[in-house]
């Protein structure tokens, strides 16, 4: 008995569910919703600081 679980994409914006093989990706490899155009990019909250790493004197 074999079970096949296909990977799916669940859009957080419009609640569409689609097989991951039919969902397009942008040039950076992030998923793009085929219905509403939502782009699954990383949030800005976890991005590194532009000032660079803290120095030893900080």
C-alpha atoms as a PDB file:
ATOM      1  CA  UNK A   1       0.000   0.000   0.000  1.00  0.00           C
ATOM      2  CA  UNK A   2       1.561   3.272  -1.068  1.00  0.00           C
ATOM      3  CA  UNK A   3       0.509   6.755  -0.120  1.00  0.00           C
ATOM      4  CA  UNK A   4       1.449   9.754  -2.203  1.00  0.00           C
ATOM      5  CA  UNK A   5       1.284  13.173  -0.572  1.00  0.00           C
ATOM      6  CA  UNK A   6       1.784  15.914  -3.127  1.00  0.00           C
ATOM      7  CA  UNK A   7       3.371  19.146  -1.922  1.00  0.00           C
ATOM      8  CA  UNK A   8       1.003  22.106  -2.056  1.00  0.00           C
ATOM      9  CA  UNK A   9       1.264  25.882  -1.907  1.00  0.00           C
ATOM     10  CA  UNK A  10      -1.158  27.615   0.494  1.00  0.00           C
ATOM     11  CA  UNK A  11      -1.390  31.359  -0.140  1.00  0.00           C
ATOM     12  CA  UNK A  12      -1.666  33.413   3.073  1.00  0.00           C
ATOM     13  CA  UNK A  13      -3.345  36.286   1.209  1.00  0.00           C
ATOM     14  CA  UNK A  14      -6.159  34.691  -0.805  1.00  0.00           C
ATOM     15  CA  UNK A  15      -6.332  31.178   0.752  1.00  0.00           C
ATOM     16  CA  UNK A  16      -5.834  29.369  -2.576  1.00  0.00           C
ATOM     17  CA  UNK A  17      -4.273  25.906  -2.436  1.00  0.00           C
ATOM     18  CA  UNK A  18      -2.390  24.706  -5.503  1.00  0.00           C
ATOM     19  CA  UNK A  19       0.069  21.917  -6.275  1.00  0.00           C
ATOM     20  CA  UNK A  20       3.574  23.283  -5.770  1.00  0.00           C
ATOM     21  CA  UNK A  21       4.582  22.087  -9.243  1.00  0.00           C
ATOM     22  CA  UNK A  22       2.077  24.494 -10.838  1.00  0.00           C
ATOM     23  CA  UNK A  23       3.088  27.601  -8.851  1.00  0.00           C
ATOM     24  CA  UNK A  24       5.517  30.070 -10.498  1.00  0.00           C
ATOM     25  CA  UNK A  25       8.638  31.420  -8.817  1.00  0.00           C
ATOM     26  CA  UNK A  26      10.304  34.814  -9.266  1.00  0.00           C
ATOM     27  CA  UNK A  27      13.897  35.348 -10.396  1.00  0.00           C
ATOM     28  CA  UNK A  28      15.187  34.972  -6.816  1.00  0.00           C
ATOM     29  CA  UNK A  29      13.323  31.702  -6.288  1.00  0.00           C
ATOM     30  CA  UNK A  30      10.473  32.995  -4.124  1.00  0.00           C
ATOM     31  CA  UNK A  31       6.996  31.613  -4.718  1.00  0.00           C
ATOM     32  CA  UNK A  32       4.386  33.798  -6.477  1.00  0.00           C
ATOM     33  CA  UNK A  33       0.668  33.069  -6.020  1.00  0.00           C
ATOM     34  CA  UNK A  34      -0.946  32.285  -9.393  1.00  0.00           C
ATOM     35  CA  UNK A  35      -4.243  33.905  -8.301  1.00  0.00           C
ATOM     36  CA  UNK A  36      -3.452  37.116  -6.399  1.00  0.00           C
ATOM     37  CA  UNK A  37       0.253  37.634  -7.157  1.00  0.00           C
ATOM     38  CA  UNK A  38       1.398  37.372  -3.518  1.00  0.00           C
ATOM     39  CA  UNK A  39       5.201  36.992  -3.412  1.00  0.00           C
ATOM     40  CA  UNK A  40       6.576  34.905  -0.555  1.00  0.00           C
ATOM     41  CA  UNK A  41       9.637  37.030   0.219  1.00  0.00           C
ATOM     42  CA  UNK A  42      11.382  37.134   3.607  1.00  0.00           C
ATOM     43  CA  UNK A  43      10.131  39.703   6.102  1.00  0.00           C
ATOM     44  CA  UNK A  44      12.209  42.828   6.742  1.00  0.00           C
ATOM     45  CA  UNK A  45      12.299  42.175  10.501  1.00  0.00           C
ATOM     46  CA  UNK A  46      15.076  39.607  10.252  1.00  0.00           C
ATOM     47  CA  UNK A  47      17.320  41.446   7.823  1.00  0.00           C
ATOM     48  CA  UNK A  48      20.850  42.361   8.891  1.00  0.00           C
ATOM     49  CA  UNK A  49      21.724  45.911   9.873  1.00  0.00           C
ATOM     50  CA  UNK A  50      23.269  48.155   7.243  1.00  0.00           C
ATOM     51  CA  UNK A  51      25.690  49.527   9.854  1.00  0.00           C
ATOM     52  CA  UNK A  52      27.625  46.260   9.915  1.00  0.00           C
ATOM     53  CA  UNK A  53      28.581  44.052  12.835  1.00  0.00           C
ATOM     54  CA  UNK A  54      29.141  45.615  16.265  1.00  0.00           C
ATOM     55  CA  UNK A  55      32.742  46.450  17.064  1.00  0.00           C
ATOM     56  CA  UNK A  56      34.616  45.180  20.131  1.00  0.00           C
ATOM     57  CA  UNK A  57      34.386  48.644  21.720  1.00  0.00           C
ATOM     58  CA  UNK A  58      30.555  48.732  21.663  1.00  0.00           C
END
